[in-house]
Amino acid sequence: MRVALLGPVAWRTPPHHYGPWERVTGLLAEGLAARGVDVTLFATLDSVTSAKLDGVCPRGYADDPDLDGRVWEAMHVAHALARSGEFDLVHNHLDWLPLAFAGHCRAPMLTTVHGFSGPGILPAYERAKSAYVSISDADRFPGLDYVATVPHGIDLDGFPFAPDGGPGLVAFGRIHPDKGIHTAIEIARLAGRPLTICGIVQDERYYAEQVAPHVDGEKVTFLGAVGPDRRGEILGAAAALLHPIAFAEPFGLSVVEAMACGTPVVAYRLGSMPEVVDDGVTGYLVQTVDQAVAAVDRIGAIDRAGCRDRARQRFGVDRMVRDYLDVYRVLID
């Protein structure tokens, strides 16, 4: 089986800090290569992988202001599709752009929909000759040809079990209104617990007006983007992860990463959260600030070892790789 993984090029694969699509694509490439699949990863040229690496973009355009992302993504896709006839399958992790040129792909195309950025991109999905995988049932769009739902997997070795945690809370994600960071600050204040916030600032005005005024280094600490070397340490040190999102979250990698450390999650019941969080086992699903505060008060009732075990069963990278291999075989056959 010869598979081309068409990865994103905003950041390196795997990313130094932020880059959830790159992280998942890199883990999949490693898992496939370990199983003897002839896999080529199309990514930035500074990427690190056990698969064969190809590409044209020297490094992530989000890290280099001299690189125009529109130009380098287009050249990246053109380069990969020019080689598409060498593969049994092209697995697209780069959103809508490859779909616009799917007619030039000389192998079956599979697209993992990591999330829809808005309705404006839907024509590319609806018209393309591609099969689709959703990362949660909640994130499916009517009319697309979904062959499976494959939840993301994580490398549990990077998230060691923390049996005790600590008194503080953590919020992990983009600093953007969608992620409800301001709501997490309010929940932590009412619960009387310190809060650590980690993530890239995606909305500068939102950060300046609704987050920064509360950051004092004691009750609220902001650490910025945190790479894979520290994610497990920070998540495992918390009593709970707060995830009071204000949008239909397609998946939520930080939620699974917290659970893998044994840290339960208090999440708003939106999008994929009912599929990811097992209420009462790996955390609590809530709908309001008051319900979230009450959930934090009873967070000690969650067995952290049981939380870790459930995360291993449902979201280990091996399960994700097996699921994708099953999909590949169906499409190739």
C-alpha atoms as a PDB file:
ATOM      1  CA  MET A   1       0.000   0.000   0.000  1.00  0.00           C
ATOM      2  CA  ARG A   2       1.430   3.355  -1.092  1.00  0.00           C
ATOM      3  CA  VAL A   3      -0.128   6.333   0.683  1.00  0.00           C
ATOM      4  CA  ALA A   4       0.510  10.046   0.297  1.00  0.00           C
ATOM      5  CA  LEU A   5      -0.322  12.150   3.354  1.00  0.00           C
ATOM      6  CA  LEU A   6      -0.943  15.698   2.179  1.00  0.00           C
ATOM      7  CA  GLY A   7      -0.292  17.667   5.340  1.00  0.00           C
ATOM      8  CA  PRO A   8      -0.641  21.358   6.156  1.00  0.00           C
ATOM      9  CA  VAL A   9       2.317  23.727   5.979  1.00  0.00           C
ATOM     10  CA  ALA A  10       1.355  26.474   8.418  1.00  0.00           C
ATOM     11  CA  TRP A  11       3.718  24.878  10.921  1.00  0.00           C
ATOM     12  CA  ARG A  12       6.305  22.133  10.961  1.00  0.00           C
ATOM     13  CA  THR A  13       5.165  18.512  11.379  1.00  0.00           C
ATOM     14  CA  PRO A  14       5.121  17.791  14.260  1.00  0.00           C
ATOM     15  CA  PRO A  15       4.717  21.391  15.436  1.00  0.00           C
ATOM     16  CA  HIS A  16       7.078  23.099  17.845  1.00  0.00           C
ATOM     17  CA  HIS A  17       4.126  24.672  19.666  1.00  0.00           C
ATOM     18  CA  TYR A  18       0.637  25.095  18.171  1.00  0.00           C
ATOM     19  CA  GLY A  19      -0.493  23.067  15.169  1.00  0.00           C
ATOM     20  CA  PRO A  20      -3.201  20.465  15.856  1.00  0.00           C
ATOM     21  CA  TRP A  21      -3.589  19.397  12.208  1.00  0.00           C
ATOM     22  CA  GLU A  22       0.162  18.991  11.900  1.00  0.00           C
ATOM     23  CA  ARG A  23       0.276  17.023  15.150  1.00  0.00           C
ATOM     24  CA  VAL A  24      -2.387  14.544  14.034  1.00  0.00           C
ATOM     25  CA  THR A  25      -0.928  14.152  10.543  1.00  0.00           C
ATOM     26  CA  GLY A  26       2.523  13.514  11.999  1.00  0.00           C
ATOM     27  CA  LEU A  27       1.235  10.869  14.398  1.00  0.00           C
ATOM     28  CA  LEU A  28      -0.616   9.151  11.576  1.00  0.00           C
ATOM     29  CA  ALA A  29       2.518   9.148   9.404  1.00  0.00           C
ATOM     30  CA  GLU A  30       4.548   7.583  12.213  1.00  0.00           C
ATOM     31  CA  GLY A  31       1.899   4.950  12.892  1.00  0.00           C
ATOM     32  CA  LEU A  32       1.551   3.977   9.250  1.00  0.00           C
ATOM     33  CA  ALA A  33       5.305   3.759   8.738  1.00  0.00           C
ATOM     34  CA  ALA A  34       5.637   1.565  11.842  1.00  0.00           C
ATOM     35  CA  ARG A  35       3.147  -0.850  10.268  1.00  0.00           C
ATOM     36  CA  GLY A  36       5.139  -1.153   7.077  1.00  0.00           C
ATOM     37  CA  VAL A  37       2.987   1.125   4.935  1.00  0.00           C
ATOM     38  CA  ASP A  38       4.890   2.898   2.150  1.00  0.00           C
ATOM     39  CA  VAL A  39       3.890   6.400   3.224  1.00  0.00           C
ATOM     40  CA  THR A  40       5.126   9.753   1.941  1.00  0.00           C
ATOM     41  CA  LEU A  41       4.415  12.814   4.051  1.00  0.00           C
ATOM     42  CA  PHE A  42       4.048  16.049   2.087  1.00  0.00           C
ATOM     43  CA  ALA A  43       4.852  18.736   4.643  1.00  0.00           C
ATOM     44  CA  THR A  44       7.362  21.498   5.350  1.00  0.00           C
ATOM     45  CA  LEU A  45      10.900  20.479   4.532  1.00  0.00           C
ATOM     46  CA  ASP A  46      12.028  20.901   8.142  1.00  0.00           C
ATOM     47  CA  SER A  47       9.473  18.323   9.309  1.00  0.00           C
ATOM     48  CA  VAL A  48      10.605  15.283  11.292  1.00  0.00           C
ATOM     49  CA  THR A  49       9.132  11.910  10.332  1.00  0.00           C
ATOM     50  CA  SER A  50       9.883   8.227   9.920  1.00  0.00           C
ATOM     51  CA  ALA A  51       7.947   8.325   6.648  1.00  0.00           C
ATOM     52  CA  LYS A  52       9.399   9.567   3.387  1.00  0.00           C
ATOM     53  CA  LEU A  53       9.325  13.371   3.405  1.00  0.00           C
ATOM     54  CA  ASP A  54       8.610  15.529   0.376  1.00  0.00           C
ATOM     55  CA  GLY A  55       7.513  19.091  -0.186  1.00  0.00           C
ATOM     56  CA  VAL A  56       8.517  22.535  -1.375  1.00  0.00           C
ATOM     57  CA  CYS A  57       7.816  24.808   1.613  1.00  0.00           C
ATOM     58  CA  PRO A  58      11.059  25.259   3.602  1.00  0.00           C
ATOM     59  CA  ARG A  59       9.344  25.885   6.950  1.00  0.00           C
ATOM     60  CA  GLY A  60       5.957  26.788   8.378  1.00  0.00           C
ATOM     61  CA  TYR A  61       4.641  30.003   6.888  1.00  0.00           C
ATOM     62  CA  ALA A  62       2.992  30.938  10.201  1.00  0.00           C
ATOM     63  CA  ASP A  63       6.476  31.106  11.724  1.00  0.00           C
ATOM     64  CA  ASP A  64       8.025  33.157   8.932  1.00  0.00           C
ATOM     65  CA  PRO A  65       6.496  36.505   7.899  1.00  0.00           C
ATOM     66  CA  ASP A  66       8.502  36.391   4.662  1.00  0.00           C
ATOM     67  CA  LEU A  67       6.463  33.416   3.442  1.00  0.00           C
ATOM     68  CA  ASP A  68       3.046  34.097   1.909  1.00  0.00           C
ATOM     69  CA  GLY A  69       0.826  31.240   3.060  1.00  0.00           C
ATOM     70  CA  ARG A  70      -1.464  31.443   0.032  1.00  0.00           C
ATOM     71  CA  VAL A  71       1.443  31.053  -2.373  1.00  0.00           C
ATOM     72  CA  TRP A  72       3.242  28.268  -0.512  1.00  0.00           C
ATOM     73  CA  GLU A  73       0.064  26.261   0.117  1.00  0.00           C
ATOM     74  CA  ALA A  74      -0.777  26.429  -3.600  1.00  0.00           C
ATOM     75  CA  MET A  75       2.722  25.310  -4.624  1.00  0.00           C
ATOM     76  CA  HIS A  76       2.653  22.597  -1.962  1.00  0.00           C
ATOM     77  CA  VAL A  77      -0.622  21.163  -3.263  1.00  0.00           C
ATOM     78  CA  ALA A  78       0.508  21.391  -6.891  1.00  0.00           C
ATOM     79  CA  HIS A  79       3.726  19.524  -6.082  1.00  0.00           C
ATOM     80  CA  ALA A  80       1.919  16.730  -4.222  1.00  0.00           C
ATOM     81  CA  LEU A  81      -0.786  16.254  -6.855  1.00  0.00           C
ATOM     82  CA  ALA A  82       1.834  16.134  -9.612  1.00  0.00           C
ATOM     83  CA  ARG A  83       3.124  12.976  -7.896  1.00  0.00           C
ATOM     84  CA  SER A  84      -0.335  11.563  -7.101  1.00  0.00           C
ATOM     85  CA  GLY A  85      -0.107   8.873  -9.782  1.00  0.00           C
ATOM     86  CA  GLU A  86       2.643   7.163  -7.752  1.00  0.00           C
ATOM     87  CA  PHE A  87       0.254   6.310  -4.907  1.00  0.00           C
ATOM     88  CA  ASP A  88      -2.716   4.083  -4.213  1.00  0.00           C
ATOM     89  CA  LEU A  89      -4.355   6.829  -2.152  1.00  0.00           C
ATOM     90  CA  VAL A  90      -3.893  10.524  -1.381  1.00  0.00           C
ATOM     91  CA  HIS A  91      -5.022  11.423   2.142  1.00  0.00           C
ATOM     92  CA  ASN A  92      -5.678  15.155   2.359  1.00  0.00           C
ATOM     93  CA  HIS A  93      -5.317  16.957   5.696  1.00  0.00           C
ATOM     94  CA  LEU A  94      -5.128  20.432   4.138  1.00  0.00           C
ATOM     95  CA  ASP A  95      -8.758  21.555   4.141  1.00  0.00           C
ATOM     96  CA  TRP A  96     -10.397  22.852   0.978  1.00  0.00           C
ATOM     97  CA  LEU A  97      -7.503  23.846  -1.296  1.00  0.00           C
ATOM     98  CA  PRO A  98      -6.597  20.341  -2.581  1.00  0.00           C
ATOM     99  CA  LEU A  99     -10.307  19.727  -3.180  1.00  0.00           C
ATOM    100  CA  ALA A 100     -10.404  22.552  -5.702  1.00  0.00           C
ATOM    101  CA  PHE A 101      -7.873  20.555  -7.755  1.00  0.00           C
ATOM    102  CA  ALA A 102      -9.104  17.039  -6.932  1.00  0.00           C
ATOM    103  CA  GLY A 103      -9.907  16.481 -10.604  1.00  0.00           C
ATOM    104  CA  HIS A 104      -6.154  16.513 -11.268  1.00  0.00           C
ATOM    105  CA  CYS A 105      -5.469  13.848  -8.636  1.00  0.00           C
ATOM    106  CA  ARG A 106      -4.541  10.534 -10.289  1.00  0.00           C
ATOM    107  CA  ALA A 107      -5.353   8.413  -7.237  1.00  0.00           C
ATOM    108  CA  PRO A 108      -8.405   8.165  -5.006  1.00  0.00           C
ATOM    109  CA  MET A 109      -8.542  11.105  -2.587  1.00  0.00           C
ATOM    110  CA  LEU A 110      -9.621  10.913   1.040  1.00  0.00           C
ATOM    111  CA  THR A 111     -10.081  14.128   3.006  1.00  0.00           C
ATOM    112  CA  THR A 112     -10.151  14.350   6.779  1.00  0.00           C
ATOM    113  CA  VAL A 113     -12.362  17.292   7.658  1.00  0.00           C
ATOM    114  CA  HIS A 114     -10.614  18.855  10.635  1.00  0.00           C
ATOM    115  CA  GLY A 115     -13.354  21.462  10.919  1.00  0.00           C
ATOM    116  CA  PHE A 116     -15.206  23.889   8.668  1.00  0.00           C
ATOM    117  CA  SER A 117     -13.910  27.463   8.932  1.00  0.00           C
ATOM    118  CA  GLY A 118     -17.156  28.798   7.474  1.00  0.00           C
ATOM    119  CA  PRO A 119     -19.895  28.204   4.882  1.00  0.00           C
ATOM    120  CA  GLY A 120     -17.849  29.926   2.191  1.00  0.00           C
ATOM    121  CA  ILE A 121     -15.591  26.877   1.777  1.00  0.00           C
ATOM    122  CA  LEU A 122     -18.420  24.361   1.350  1.00  0.00           C
ATOM    123  CA  PRO A 123     -18.624  24.528  -2.481  1.00  0.00           C
ATOM    124  CA  ALA A 124     -15.118  23.083  -2.661  1.00  0.00           C
ATOM    125  CA  TYR A 125     -16.248  20.133  -0.536  1.00  0.00           C
ATOM    126  CA  GLU A 126     -19.542  19.601  -2.339  1.00  0.00           C
ATOM    127  CA  ARG A 127     -18.048  19.585  -5.842  1.00  0.00           C
ATOM    128  CA  ALA A 128     -14.823  17.674  -5.234  1.00  0.00           C
ATOM    129  CA  LYS A 129     -14.266  14.048  -6.130  1.00  0.00           C
ATOM    130  CA  SER A 130     -13.157  12.964  -2.666  1.00  0.00           C
ATOM    131  CA  ALA A 131     -14.322  10.703   0.107  1.00  0.00           C
ATOM    132  CA  TYR A 132     -14.544  12.282   3.547  1.00  0.00           C
ATOM    133  CA  VAL A 133     -13.741  11.319   7.113  1.00  0.00           C
ATOM    134  CA  SER A 134     -15.234  13.315   9.973  1.00  0.00           C
ATOM    135  CA  ILE A 135     -13.426  13.632  13.300  1.00  0.00           C
ATOM    136  CA  SER A 136     -16.745  13.576  15.172  1.00  0.00           C
ATOM    137  CA  ASP A 137     -20.317  12.801  14.216  1.00  0.00           C
ATOM    138  CA  ALA A 138     -21.301  16.289  15.363  1.00  0.00           C
ATOM    139  CA  ASP A 139     -19.073  17.896  12.726  1.00  0.00           C
ATOM    140  CA  ARG A 140     -20.690  16.240   9.717  1.00  0.00           C
ATOM    141  CA  PHE A 141     -22.212  18.376   6.972  1.00  0.00           C
ATOM    142  CA  PRO A 142     -25.259  16.995   5.138  1.00  0.00           C
ATOM    143  CA  GLY A 143     -24.609  15.915   1.588  1.00  0.00           C
ATOM    144  CA  LEU A 144     -20.958  14.954   1.840  1.00  0.00           C
ATOM    145  CA  ASP A 145     -19.816  11.400   1.169  1.00  0.00           C
ATOM    146  CA  TYR A 146     -18.501  10.357   4.577  1.00  0.00           C
ATOM    147  CA  VAL A 147     -16.968   6.919   4.726  1.00  0.00           C
ATOM    148  CA  ALA A 148     -16.277   6.955   8.466  1.00  0.00           C
ATOM    149  CA  THR A 149     -15.850   8.969  11.605  1.00  0.00           C
ATOM    150  CA  VAL A 150     -12.299   8.647  12.943  1.00  0.00           C
ATOM    151  CA  PRO A 151     -11.701  10.532  16.192  1.00  0.00           C
ATOM    152  CA  HIS A 152      -8.206  11.879  16.652  1.00  0.00           C
ATOM    153  CA  GLY A 153      -5.645   9.814  18.518  1.00  0.00           C
ATOM    154  CA  ILE A 154      -2.780  10.984  20.704  1.00  0.00           C
ATOM    155  CA  ASP A 155       0.547   9.518  21.769  1.00  0.00           C
ATOM    156  CA  LEU A 156      -0.141   8.697  25.403  1.00  0.00           C
ATOM    157  CA  ASP A 157       3.583   8.430  26.126  1.00  0.00           C
ATOM    158  CA  GLY A 158       3.705  12.206  25.807  1.00  0.00           C
ATOM    159  CA  PHE A 159       1.055  12.612  28.497  1.00  0.00           C
ATOM    160  CA  PRO A 160       2.168  10.704  31.604  1.00  0.00           C
ATOM    161  CA  PHE A 161      -0.397   9.853  34.247  1.00  0.00           C
ATOM    162  CA  ALA A 162      -0.598  12.347  37.122  1.00  0.00           C
ATOM    163  CA  PRO A 163      -2.402  10.575  39.976  1.00  0.00           C
ATOM    164  CA  ASP A 164      -2.936  13.615  42.169  1.00  0.00           C
ATOM    165  CA  GLY A 165      -3.043  16.792  40.117  1.00  0.00           C
ATOM    166  CA  GLY A 166      -3.231  20.010  42.080  1.00  0.00           C
ATOM    167  CA  PRO A 167      -5.757  22.593  43.247  1.00  0.00           C
ATOM    168  CA  GLY A 168      -5.532  24.788  40.151  1.00  0.00           C
ATOM    169  CA  LEU A 169      -7.486  24.735  36.918  1.00  0.00           C
ATOM    170  CA  VAL A 170      -6.202  25.011  33.357  1.00  0.00           C
ATOM    171  CA  ALA A 171      -7.631  26.335  30.083  1.00  0.00           C
ATOM    172  CA  PHE A 172      -5.849  25.155  26.940  1.00  0.00           C
ATOM    173  CA  GLY A 173      -6.633  26.535  23.503  1.00  0.00           C
ATOM    174  CA  ARG A 174      -6.594  29.432  21.088  1.00  0.00           C
ATOM    175  CA  ILE A 175      -7.129  32.810  22.740  1.00  0.00           C
ATOM    176  CA  HIS A 176     -10.307  33.513  20.826  1.00  0.00           C
ATOM    177  CA  PRO A 177     -13.948  34.092  21.843  1.00  0.00           C
ATOM    178  CA  ASP A 178     -14.878  30.671  20.438  1.00  0.00           C
ATOM    179  CA  LYS A 179     -12.791  28.980  23.125  1.00  0.00           C
ATOM    180  CA  GLY A 180     -14.467  30.843  25.968  1.00  0.00           C
ATOM    181  CA  ILE A 181     -11.268  31.805  27.792  1.00  0.00           C
ATOM    182  CA  HIS A 182     -13.048  34.733  29.470  1.00  0.00           C
ATOM    183  CA  THR A 183     -15.687  32.297  30.717  1.00  0.00           C
ATOM    184  CA  ALA A 184     -12.991  30.021  32.110  1.00  0.00           C
ATOM    185  CA  ILE A 185     -11.623  32.996  34.045  1.00  0.00           C
ATOM    186  CA  GLU A 186     -15.070  33.625  35.530  1.00  0.00           C
ATOM    187  CA  ILE A 187     -15.574  29.964  36.443  1.00  0.00           C
ATOM    188  CA  ALA A 188     -12.206  29.798  38.171  1.00  0.00           C
ATOM    189  CA  ARG A 189     -12.918  33.020  40.083  1.00  0.00           C
ATOM    190  CA  LEU A 190     -16.260  31.768  41.357  1.00  0.00           C
ATOM    191  CA  ALA A 191     -14.760  28.375  42.218  1.00  0.00           C
ATOM    192  CA  GLY A 192     -11.998  30.087  44.195  1.00  0.00           C
ATOM    193  CA  ARG A 193      -9.205  28.349  42.291  1.00  0.00           C
ATOM    194  CA  PRO A 194      -6.193  29.648  40.356  1.00  0.00           C
ATOM    195  CA  LEU A 195      -6.284  29.325  36.582  1.00  0.00           C
ATOM    196  CA  THR A 196      -3.451  28.725  34.118  1.00  0.00           C
ATOM    197  CA  ILE A 197      -4.146  29.675  30.495  1.00  0.00           C
ATOM    198  CA  CYS A 198      -2.146  28.262  27.576  1.00  0.00           C
ATOM    199  CA  GLY A 199      -2.546  28.999  23.882  1.00  0.00           C
ATOM    200  CA  ILE A 200      -1.670  31.192  20.943  1.00  0.00           C
ATOM    201  CA  VAL A 201      -3.294  34.626  20.817  1.00  0.00           C
ATOM    202  CA  GLN A 202      -5.510  34.433  17.764  1.00  0.00           C
ATOM    203  CA  ASP A 203      -7.634  37.499  18.548  1.00  0.00           C
ATOM    204  CA  GLU A 204      -5.478  40.338  19.863  1.00  0.00           C
ATOM    205  CA  ARG A 205      -8.398  42.606  20.783  1.00  0.00           C
ATOM    206  CA  TYR A 206     -10.163  39.842  22.679  1.00  0.00           C
ATOM    207  CA  TYR A 207      -6.979  39.055  24.583  1.00  0.00           C
ATOM    208  CA  ALA A 208      -6.356  42.721  25.411  1.00  0.00           C
ATOM    209  CA  GLU A 209      -9.907  43.425  26.564  1.00  0.00           C
ATOM    210  CA  GLN A 210     -11.136  40.217  28.179  1.00  0.00           C
ATOM    211  CA  VAL A 211      -8.106  38.170  29.163  1.00  0.00           C
ATOM    212  CA  ALA A 212      -5.055  40.348  29.845  1.00  0.00           C
ATOM    213  CA  PRO A 213      -6.736  42.552  32.527  1.00  0.00           C
ATOM    214  CA  HIS A 214      -7.222  39.435  34.688  1.00  0.00           C
ATOM    215  CA  VAL A 215      -3.690  38.058  34.327  1.00  0.00           C
ATOM    216  CA  ASP A 216      -1.827  38.710  37.582  1.00  0.00           C
ATOM    217  CA  GLY A 217       0.479  35.703  37.815  1.00  0.00           C
ATOM    218  CA  GLU A 218      -1.346  34.382  40.877  1.00  0.00           C
ATOM    219  CA  LYS A 219      -5.075  33.959  40.360  1.00  0.00           C
ATOM    220  CA  VAL A 220      -4.675  33.931  36.591  1.00  0.00           C
ATOM    221  CA  THR A 221      -1.445  32.979  34.815  1.00  0.00           C
ATOM    222  CA  PHE A 222      -0.934  33.157  31.058  1.00  0.00           C
ATOM    223  CA  LEU A 223       1.850  31.001  29.593  1.00  0.00           C
ATOM    224  CA  GLY A 224       1.232  31.560  25.876  1.00  0.00           C
ATOM    225  CA  ALA A 225       1.774  28.776  23.361  1.00  0.00           C
ATOM    226  CA  VAL A 226       3.063  25.613  25.029  1.00  0.00           C
ATOM    227  CA  GLY A 227       4.879  22.932  23.052  1.00  0.00           C
ATOM    228  CA  PRO A 228       4.659  19.155  23.400  1.00  0.00           C
ATOM    229  CA  ASP A 229       7.503  19.085  25.927  1.00  0.00           C
ATOM    230  CA  ARG A 230       5.375  20.893  28.540  1.00  0.00           C
ATOM    231  CA  ARG A 231       1.776  20.077  27.668  1.00  0.00           C
ATOM    232  CA  GLY A 232       1.628  16.894  29.733  1.00  0.00           C
ATOM    233  CA  GLU A 233       3.287  18.523  32.732  1.00  0.00           C
ATOM    234  CA  ILE A 234       0.872  21.467  32.801  1.00  0.00           C
ATOM    235  CA  LEU A 235      -2.261  19.440  32.113  1.00  0.00           C
ATOM    236  CA  GLY A 236      -1.352  16.783  34.667  1.00  0.00           C
ATOM    237  CA  ALA A 237      -0.734  19.374  37.384  1.00  0.00           C
ATOM    238  CA  ALA A 238      -4.334  20.649  37.248  1.00  0.00           C
ATOM    239  CA  ALA A 239      -7.424  19.538  39.122  1.00  0.00           C
ATOM    240  CA  ALA A 240      -9.459  19.969  35.936  1.00  0.00           C
ATOM    241  CA  LEU A 241      -9.377  21.375  32.428  1.00  0.00           C
ATOM    242  CA  LEU A 242     -11.997  24.041  31.756  1.00  0.00           C
ATOM    243  CA  HIS A 243     -13.422  23.983  28.231  1.00  0.00           C
ATOM    244  CA  PRO A 244     -16.379  26.411  28.202  1.00  0.00           C
ATOM    245  CA  ILE A 245     -16.524  26.751  24.434  1.00  0.00           C
ATOM    246  CA  ALA A 246     -18.852  29.124  22.609  1.00  0.00           C
ATOM    247  CA  PHE A 247     -18.982  27.197  19.326  1.00  0.00           C
ATOM    248  CA  ALA A 248     -19.562  23.677  18.047  1.00  0.00           C
ATOM    249  CA  GLU A 249     -16.089  22.248  18.721  1.00  0.00           C
ATOM    250  CA  PRO A 250     -15.221  19.702  15.986  1.00  0.00           C
ATOM    251  CA  PHE A 251     -13.083  17.632  18.359  1.00  0.00           C
ATOM    252  CA  GLY A 252     -10.830  19.221  21.004  1.00  0.00           C
ATOM    253  CA  LEU A 253      -7.356  17.703  21.240  1.00  0.00           C
ATOM    254  CA  SER A 254      -6.539  19.412  24.547  1.00  0.00           C
ATOM    255  CA  VAL A 255      -9.589  17.739  26.093  1.00  0.00           C
ATOM    256  CA  VAL A 256      -8.265  14.282  25.226  1.00  0.00           C
ATOM    257  CA  GLU A 257      -4.721  15.216  26.259  1.00  0.00           C
ATOM    258  CA  ALA A 258      -5.955  16.305  29.692  1.00  0.00           C
ATOM    259  CA  MET A 259      -7.904  13.095  30.172  1.00  0.00           C
ATOM    260  CA  ALA A 260      -4.832  11.084  29.185  1.00  0.00           C
ATOM    261  CA  CYS A 261      -2.987  12.677  32.121  1.00  0.00           C
ATOM    262  CA  GLY A 262      -5.860  11.704  34.405  1.00  0.00           C
ATOM    263  CA  THR A 263      -7.114  15.284  34.551  1.00  0.00           C
ATOM    264  CA  PRO A 264     -10.896  15.435  34.172  1.00  0.00           C
ATOM    265  CA  VAL A 265     -12.633  17.987  31.985  1.00  0.00           C
ATOM    266  CA  VAL A 266     -15.462  20.426  32.655  1.00  0.00           C
ATOM    267  CA  ALA A 267     -16.804  21.252  29.189  1.00  0.00           C
ATOM    268  CA  TYR A 268     -19.811  22.989  27.726  1.00  0.00           C
ATOM    269  CA  ARG A 269     -22.163  20.561  25.995  1.00  0.00           C
ATOM    270  CA  LEU A 270     -21.559  21.811  22.455  1.00  0.00           C
ATOM    271  CA  GLY A 271     -20.343  20.214  19.238  1.00  0.00           C
ATOM    272  CA  SER A 272     -18.331  17.055  19.773  1.00  0.00           C
ATOM    273  CA  MET A 273     -18.075  17.316  23.547  1.00  0.00           C
ATOM    274  CA  PRO A 274     -20.772  14.694  24.290  1.00  0.00           C
ATOM    275  CA  GLU A 275     -18.819  12.301  22.027  1.00  0.00           C
ATOM    276  CA  VAL A 276     -15.445  13.016  23.615  1.00  0.00           C
ATOM    277  CA  VAL A 277     -16.221  13.487  27.322  1.00  0.00           C
ATOM    278  CA  ASP A 278     -17.837  10.552  29.133  1.00  0.00           C
ATOM    279  CA  ASP A 279     -19.979  12.394  31.665  1.00  0.00           C
ATOM    280  CA  GLY A 280     -19.116  11.297  35.197  1.00  0.00           C
ATOM    281  CA  VAL A 281     -16.119   9.214  34.036  1.00  0.00           C
ATOM    282  CA  THR A 282     -13.700  11.603  32.328  1.00  0.00           C
ATOM    283  CA  GLY A 283     -15.361  14.826  33.424  1.00  0.00           C
ATOM    284  CA  TYR A 284     -18.643  16.702  33.410  1.00  0.00           C
ATOM    285  CA  LEU A 285     -20.739  18.241  30.649  1.00  0.00           C
ATOM    286  CA  VAL A 286     -22.409  21.515  31.627  1.00  0.00           C
ATOM    287  CA  GLN A 287     -24.310  24.381  30.034  1.00  0.00           C
ATOM    288  CA  THR A 288     -23.813  27.394  32.295  1.00  0.00           C
ATOM    289  CA  VAL A 289     -21.184  29.067  34.450  1.00  0.00           C
ATOM    290  CA  ASP A 290     -23.026  28.051  37.625  1.00  0.00           C
ATOM    291  CA  GLN A 291     -23.157  24.417  36.514  1.00  0.00           C
ATOM    292  CA  ALA A 292     -19.439  24.558  35.702  1.00  0.00           C
ATOM    293  CA  VAL A 293     -18.609  25.924  39.149  1.00  0.00           C
ATOM    294  CA  ALA A 294     -20.652  23.145  40.746  1.00  0.00           C
ATOM    295  CA  ALA A 295     -18.836  20.597  38.575  1.00  0.00           C
ATOM    296  CA  VAL A 296     -15.464  21.929  39.711  1.00  0.00           C
ATOM    297  CA  ASP A 297     -16.610  21.581  43.336  1.00  0.00           C
ATOM    298  CA  ARG A 298     -17.227  17.865  42.815  1.00  0.00           C
ATOM    299  CA  ILE A 299     -14.281  17.173  40.533  1.00  0.00           C
ATOM    300  CA  GLY A 300     -12.703  14.996  43.220  1.00  0.00           C
ATOM    301  CA  ALA A 301     -15.390  12.384  42.570  1.00  0.00           C
ATOM    302  CA  ILE A 302     -13.770  11.598  39.209  1.00  0.00           C
ATOM    303  CA  ASP A 303     -11.272   8.741  39.453  1.00  0.00           C
ATOM    304  CA  ARG A 304      -8.145   9.993  37.711  1.00  0.00           C
ATOM    305  CA  ALA A 305      -6.903   6.469  36.953  1.00  0.00           C
ATOM    306  CA  GLY A 306     -10.258   5.642  35.387  1.00  0.00           C
ATOM    307  CA  CYS A 307     -10.074   8.865  33.397  1.00  0.00           C
ATOM    308  CA  ARG A 308      -6.672   7.854  32.031  1.00  0.00           C
ATOM    309  CA  ASP A 309      -7.844   4.333  31.210  1.00  0.00           C
ATOM    310  CA  ARG A 310     -10.858   5.581  29.267  1.00  0.00           C
ATOM    311  CA  ALA A 311      -8.692   8.003  27.299  1.00  0.00           C
ATOM    312  CA  ARG A 312      -6.304   5.173  26.441  1.00  0.00           C
ATOM    313  CA  GLN A 313      -9.138   2.942  25.256  1.00  0.00           C
ATOM    314  CA  ARG A 314     -10.826   5.549  23.106  1.00  0.00           C
ATOM    315  CA  PHE A 315      -8.135   7.946  21.936  1.00  0.00           C
ATOM    316  CA  GLY A 316      -4.802   6.136  21.701  1.00  0.00           C
ATOM    317  CA  VAL A 317      -2.925   6.724  18.456  1.00  0.00           C
ATOM    318  CA  ASP A 318      -2.940   2.988  17.638  1.00  0.00           C
ATOM    319  CA  ARG A 319      -6.728   3.021  17.439  1.00  0.00           C
ATOM    320  CA  MET A 320      -6.649   6.015  15.083  1.00  0.00           C
ATOM    321  CA  VAL A 321      -4.109   4.350  12.790  1.00  0.00           C
ATOM    322  CA  ARG A 322      -6.127   1.104  12.682  1.00  0.00           C
ATOM    323  CA  ASP A 323      -9.281   3.024  11.833  1.00  0.00           C
ATOM    324  CA  TYR A 324      -7.594   4.833   8.965  1.00  0.00           C
ATOM    325  CA  LEU A 325      -6.092   1.615   7.601  1.00  0.00           C
ATOM    326  CA  ASP A 326      -9.601   0.141   7.503  1.00  0.00           C
ATOM    327  CA  VAL A 327     -10.795   3.171   5.532  1.00  0.00           C
ATOM    328  CA  TYR A 328      -7.819   2.975   3.153  1.00  0.00           C
ATOM    329  CA  ARG A 329      -8.524  -0.667   2.361  1.00  0.00           C
ATOM    330  CA  VAL A 330     -12.143   0.058   1.540  1.00  0.00           C
ATOM    331  CA  LEU A 331     -11.280   2.929  -0.785  1.00  0.00           C
ATOM    332  CA  ILE A 332      -8.407   1.137  -2.511  1.00  0.00           C
ATOM    333  CA  ASP A 333     -10.368  -2.098  -2.986  1.00  0.00           C
END
